[in-house]
Each structure stands twice: as C-alpha cells, then as structure tokens.
Amino acid sequence: MTKLPARKEVIRCPWAKGELDQQYHDAEWGVPVHDDRLLFELLMLEGAQAGLSWSTILKKRANYQKTFQQFDPAVVAKFGPKQEAALMQNEGIVRNRLKVASAAINAQAFLQVQAEFGSFDAFIWTFVDGQPLQNKRTAMSEVPARTEQSDAMSKALKKRGFKFIGTTICYAFMQATGMVNDHLVSCFRHKPVQALGNCRRQSRGSSFAGGGTLSSTSCINQMSRASSTLK
C-alpha cells in the first residue's frame, strides 16, 4: 500500500485554536462582507461578545440565528417586552439584560441607516473609503484593539442610536467583515483574503458604491483562487 506524503501543516493566526474557531477563521474572518443581513448579524454578535470570548459566541451562533430570525433587522426591530422576556430565559444566547434590550434598538437604527443610504453596506464601508485596509502584521502583539477608523465608526454609530458599539467592538467588527485584513502574513489565509480585497477594489472602479459587481477576468480568477484554499 502506497504511503501518502505527510500533509503540509496549516499555519493559522494563533487565536484560532478550537475547531469552531478554525472553521470561522478559515472561511469567514477577514473576508469582505457587503450583504446587509450578514453585516447586521456580525454587528450583533460582536456586541454580544463584549466581556466574553469569541469562542463562546461561536458556540451560541446557531441559536442566535434561530432566535433572531436569521438576523432579519425588520423582524428584530419589532421585538418588545414579551420577546425580551423570552430571550432572558433562552440559555442559548448571552442573557445580559442590556445586551438583549439593545437588539431592537440596534435593528431600528440599522433600518434608519438603510433608509438614508440605500444600504448599511454603503454607509459602513465609507470608514475605510470603500476598500479593505491591507495590513502586514507578523505577530498578534502588533494587532491593535482600536484605530482611528474604529473610533470614527463608533462615534458615528452611537450618534445614530446604536448600543454596545464601542471602538473595540467596532474594530473587531471591521476585522470580521474584511474592512481590515489582520491575518498575520504567516497565516495561510493572508494572501487569499488580500486577493479578495484587491478584487473589491477592481470591481468598485473610480468611485465607491454600496454594491459593486465583478467586472474583470483577473478579479474573477482571484476570487476562484481565494476560494480554493477552503477546499
């Protein structure tokens, strides 16, 4: 029987240790997000994480999705005292009264942003001028807890009525949604995520638009190569 060669060790960012962490790191973390529903989900989950580990939130994510109707902001915006009371009895989520109460408040503010800008995506990506910030960090000690961009985002969102949206939460949200590429250069996901960011820049042309479509063969090839690393 032919002995297969040893598989090359996959090098990830050091924080991705558990199975759920690694799955999230490999498939989602740092990938540019422009879907409003997913943006709302990640904004809510980052707020829920405050004071906790991201691993804790990932373990509860499926239940969050079910409980919050797949994070449909139009539905969550209508949550009232009855729904909040039920949420406080739900062991599958973080049962913090202030965090639970912030769900409807944030959903309402989210809908207002959509109404004003056409999409939340069109608004939130202005904090990085419409394209991912490509970092080249070599150690986790180089990764900041906040930046000028996250400070500005936090201030703007608070002004619009959002809760649990401090600058540290905003920076984590930026990392999660690919507004910044904070994969270490040694991580196998750094280059594919960087390629996705470059693809976004090509598709947006000379001015930023909330959506953007792939318009070049090279961009499509970059997307294909980046996706192949997950298989």
Protein backbone atom coordinates (compact mmCIF):
# COMPACT_ATOMS: atom_id res chain seq x y z
CA MET A 1 0.00 0.00 0.00
CA THR A 2 1.41 3.34 -1.03
CA LYS A 3 2.09 5.66 1.87
CA LEU A 4 0.72 9.13 1.28
CA PRO A 5 3.09 12.05 1.85
CA ALA A 6 2.62 13.98 5.07
CA ARG A 7 0.18 16.84 4.64
CA LYS A 8 1.75 20.27 4.91
CA GLU A 9 0.99 21.88 8.24
CA VAL A 10 -1.57 24.66 8.00
CA ILE A 11 -0.38 27.85 9.67
CA ARG A 12 -3.18 29.97 11.09
CA CYS A 13 -3.45 33.07 13.21
CA PRO A 14 -2.64 31.97 16.81
CA TRP A 15 -6.09 32.85 18.18
CA ALA A 16 -7.78 30.15 16.09
CA LYS A 17 -7.31 27.12 18.35
CA GLY A 18 -10.60 25.28 18.73
CA GLU A 19 -12.48 23.57 15.89
CA LEU A 20 -15.18 26.24 15.65
CA ASP A 21 -12.57 28.99 15.81
CA GLN A 22 -10.61 27.39 12.99
CA GLN A 23 -13.67 26.90 10.80
CA TYR A 24 -14.66 30.53 11.27
CA HIS A 25 -11.08 31.74 10.74
CA ASP A 26 -10.64 29.69 7.57
CA ALA A 27 -13.98 30.50 5.94
CA GLU A 28 -15.17 33.89 7.19
CA TRP A 29 -12.78 36.03 9.20
CA GLY A 30 -11.43 38.87 7.11
CA VAL A 31 -13.49 38.10 4.02
CA PRO A 32 -15.11 41.36 2.80
CA VAL A 33 -18.82 41.40 3.65
CA HIS A 34 -21.30 43.53 1.70
CA ASP A 35 -24.53 41.70 2.48
CA ASP A 36 -26.63 43.77 4.88
CA ARG A 37 -28.10 40.79 6.69
CA LEU A 38 -24.67 39.36 7.46
CA LEU A 39 -23.37 42.80 8.43
CA PHE A 40 -26.22 43.08 10.93
CA GLU A 41 -25.52 39.60 12.27
CA LEU A 42 -21.84 40.28 12.85
CA LEU A 43 -22.58 43.67 14.40
CA MET A 44 -24.98 42.00 16.84
CA LEU A 45 -22.62 39.13 17.64
CA GLU A 46 -19.66 41.43 18.24
CA GLY A 47 -21.79 43.42 20.68
CA ALA A 48 -22.87 40.22 22.42
CA GLN A 49 -19.21 39.24 22.79
CA ALA A 50 -18.34 42.28 24.93
CA GLY A 51 -16.59 40.95 28.04
CA LEU A 52 -16.62 37.38 26.70
CA SER A 53 -14.56 35.25 24.33
CA TRP A 54 -15.37 34.94 20.63
CA SER A 55 -15.33 31.16 21.08
CA THR A 56 -18.29 31.50 23.44
CA ILE A 57 -20.26 33.42 20.81
CA LEU A 58 -19.42 30.97 18.03
CA LYS A 59 -20.79 28.13 20.17
CA LYS A 60 -24.04 30.06 20.52
CA ARG A 61 -24.18 31.39 16.96
CA ALA A 62 -26.62 28.85 15.54
CA ASN A 63 -29.05 29.51 18.37
CA TYR A 64 -28.64 33.27 17.88
CA GLN A 65 -29.51 32.86 14.22
CA LYS A 66 -32.63 30.87 15.06
CA THR A 67 -33.70 33.14 17.92
CA PHE A 68 -33.20 36.36 15.96
CA GLN A 69 -34.91 35.11 12.80
CA GLN A 70 -31.65 34.80 10.83
CA PHE A 71 -30.88 38.36 11.94
CA ASP A 72 -33.56 40.00 9.86
CA PRO A 73 -33.38 43.61 11.14
CA ALA A 74 -37.00 44.29 10.15
CA VAL A 75 -38.14 41.48 12.45
CA VAL A 76 -35.75 42.22 15.32
CA ALA A 77 -36.74 45.90 15.24
CA LYS A 78 -40.23 44.87 16.35
CA PHE A 79 -39.07 42.96 19.43
CA GLY A 80 -40.83 44.28 22.52
CA PRO A 81 -41.08 43.41 26.24
CA LYS A 82 -42.62 40.00 25.51
CA GLN A 83 -39.79 38.92 23.19
CA GLU A 84 -37.15 40.36 25.51
CA ALA A 85 -38.58 38.42 28.45
CA ALA A 86 -38.39 35.23 26.40
CA LEU A 87 -34.82 35.99 25.37
CA MET A 88 -33.81 36.34 29.01
CA GLN A 89 -34.93 32.73 29.52
CA ASN A 90 -33.02 31.46 26.47
CA GLU A 91 -29.89 29.61 27.59
CA GLY A 92 -28.62 29.54 24.02
CA ILE A 93 -27.72 33.24 23.99
CA VAL A 94 -25.91 35.66 26.29
CA ARG A 95 -28.59 36.57 28.81
CA ASN A 96 -27.47 40.07 29.65
CA ARG A 97 -30.47 42.36 30.03
CA LEU A 98 -28.78 45.39 28.47
CA LYS A 99 -27.48 43.37 25.52
CA VAL A 100 -30.90 41.81 24.97
CA ALA A 101 -32.59 45.22 25.09
CA SER A 102 -30.08 46.62 22.61
CA ALA A 103 -31.16 44.17 19.89
CA ALA A 104 -34.34 46.00 18.91
CA ILE A 105 -32.69 49.40 19.38
CA ASN A 106 -29.84 48.48 17.05
CA ALA A 107 -32.18 46.93 14.50
CA GLN A 108 -34.23 50.12 14.38
CA ALA A 109 -31.09 52.23 13.97
CA PHE A 110 -29.87 49.80 11.28
CA LEU A 111 -33.11 50.24 9.30
CA GLN A 112 -32.77 54.01 9.54
CA VAL A 113 -29.26 53.83 8.06
CA GLN A 114 -30.57 51.65 5.23
CA ALA A 115 -33.31 54.14 4.51
CA GLU A 116 -30.86 57.03 4.40
CA PHE A 117 -28.01 55.44 2.45
CA GLY A 118 -29.78 52.74 0.46
CA SER A 119 -27.93 50.01 2.36
CA PHE A 120 -25.96 49.65 5.58
CA ASP A 121 -23.09 48.43 3.43
CA ALA A 122 -22.92 51.75 1.57
CA PHE A 123 -22.64 53.59 4.89
CA ILE A 124 -20.31 51.39 6.93
CA TRP A 125 -17.64 50.91 4.26
CA THR A 126 -17.08 54.66 4.00
CA PHE A 127 -14.96 54.40 7.14
CA VAL A 128 -12.27 52.68 5.06
CA ASP A 129 -13.04 54.58 1.84
CA GLY A 130 -14.80 51.59 0.36
CA GLN A 131 -11.91 49.14 0.29
CA PRO A 132 -10.19 46.85 2.81
CA LEU A 133 -7.14 48.08 4.68
CA GLN A 134 -4.37 45.58 3.95
CA ASN A 135 -2.14 45.08 6.97
CA LYS A 136 1.07 43.06 7.10
CA ARG A 137 1.32 42.10 10.74
CA THR A 138 3.83 39.49 11.84
CA ALA A 139 2.67 38.94 15.43
CA MET A 140 -0.56 39.21 17.39
CA SER A 141 1.10 41.81 19.58
CA GLU A 142 1.02 44.15 16.56
CA VAL A 143 -2.77 43.92 16.21
CA PRO A 144 -4.43 46.95 17.86
CA ALA A 145 -7.63 46.94 19.89
CA ARG A 146 -8.80 50.13 18.16
CA THR A 147 -7.81 52.52 15.38
CA GLU A 148 -8.78 55.98 14.17
CA GLN A 149 -11.25 54.34 11.81
CA SER A 150 -12.92 52.32 14.57
CA ASP A 151 -13.04 55.45 16.75
CA ALA A 152 -14.85 57.32 13.98
CA MET A 153 -17.21 54.41 13.32
CA SER A 154 -18.09 54.06 16.99
CA LYS A 155 -18.77 57.77 17.32
CA ALA A 156 -20.98 57.82 14.22
CA LEU A 157 -22.97 54.73 15.21
CA LYS A 158 -23.52 55.98 18.75
CA LYS A 159 -24.77 59.26 17.33
CA ARG A 160 -27.31 57.26 15.32
CA GLY A 161 -28.55 55.47 18.42
CA PHE A 162 -26.65 52.16 18.31
CA LYS A 163 -25.77 50.47 21.61
CA PHE A 164 -22.84 48.21 22.56
CA ILE A 165 -20.78 49.74 19.81
CA GLY A 166 -17.59 51.00 21.44
CA THR A 167 -14.41 51.42 19.43
CA THR A 168 -13.01 48.00 20.43
CA ILE A 169 -16.22 46.30 19.29
CA CYS A 170 -16.09 48.31 16.07
CA TYR A 171 -12.54 47.21 15.34
CA ALA A 172 -13.46 43.56 15.92
CA PHE A 173 -16.39 44.10 13.55
CA MET A 174 -14.02 45.59 10.97
CA GLN A 175 -11.78 42.54 11.24
CA ALA A 176 -14.72 40.16 10.96
CA THR A 177 -16.21 41.87 7.90
CA GLY A 178 -12.97 42.26 5.99
CA MET A 179 -12.74 46.02 6.32
CA VAL A 180 -9.23 45.29 7.56
CA ASN A 181 -7.08 42.26 6.78
CA ASP A 182 -5.50 41.33 10.10
CA HIS A 183 -4.45 37.82 9.19
CA LEU A 184 -0.77 37.54 10.06
CA VAL A 185 1.47 37.35 7.00
CA SER A 186 2.46 33.83 8.07
CA CYS A 187 -1.18 32.71 8.06
CA PHE A 188 -2.34 30.69 5.04
CA ARG A 189 -5.39 32.99 4.72
CA HIS A 190 -3.49 36.27 4.46
CA LYS A 191 -2.86 36.21 0.72
CA PRO A 192 -6.30 34.84 -0.30
CA VAL A 193 -8.05 37.49 1.81
CA GLN A 194 -5.77 40.14 0.35
CA ALA A 195 -6.75 38.96 -3.14
CA LEU A 196 -10.43 39.33 -2.24
CA GLY A 197 -9.73 42.89 -1.13
CA ASN A 198 -7.94 43.65 -4.38
CA CYS A 199 -10.89 42.18 -6.26
CA ARG A 200 -13.22 44.55 -4.44
CA ARG A 201 -11.03 47.48 -5.43
CA GLN A 202 -11.16 46.47 -9.10
CA SER A 203 -14.92 45.99 -9.07
CA ARG A 204 -15.70 49.34 -7.47
CA GLY A 205 -13.97 51.36 -10.19
CA SER A 206 -13.17 55.02 -9.56
CA SER A 207 -15.92 55.68 -7.04
CA PHE A 208 -17.37 53.70 -4.16
CA ALA A 209 -20.81 52.18 -4.44
CA GLY A 210 -22.55 50.10 -1.82
CA GLY A 211 -22.82 47.04 -4.08
CA GLY A 212 -20.31 46.61 -6.86
CA THR A 213 -20.09 43.75 -9.34
CA LEU A 214 -17.13 41.77 -10.60
CA SER A 215 -16.07 43.33 -13.87
CA SER A 216 -12.77 41.77 -14.86
CA THR A 217 -11.45 38.30 -15.62
CA SER A 218 -8.49 38.79 -13.31
CA CYS A 219 -10.84 39.68 -10.48
CA ILE A 220 -12.88 36.53 -11.02
CA ASN A 221 -9.69 34.46 -11.10
CA GLN A 222 -8.60 35.98 -7.80
CA MET A 223 -11.95 35.02 -6.26
CA SER A 224 -11.58 31.48 -7.55
CA ARG A 225 -8.04 31.09 -6.19
CA ALA A 226 -9.03 32.52 -2.83
CA SER A 227 -12.00 30.19 -2.54
CA SER A 228 -9.92 27.14 -3.47
CA THR A 229 -7.91 27.43 -0.25
CA LEU A 230 -11.00 26.37 1.71
CA LYS A 231 -11.41 23.08 -0.15
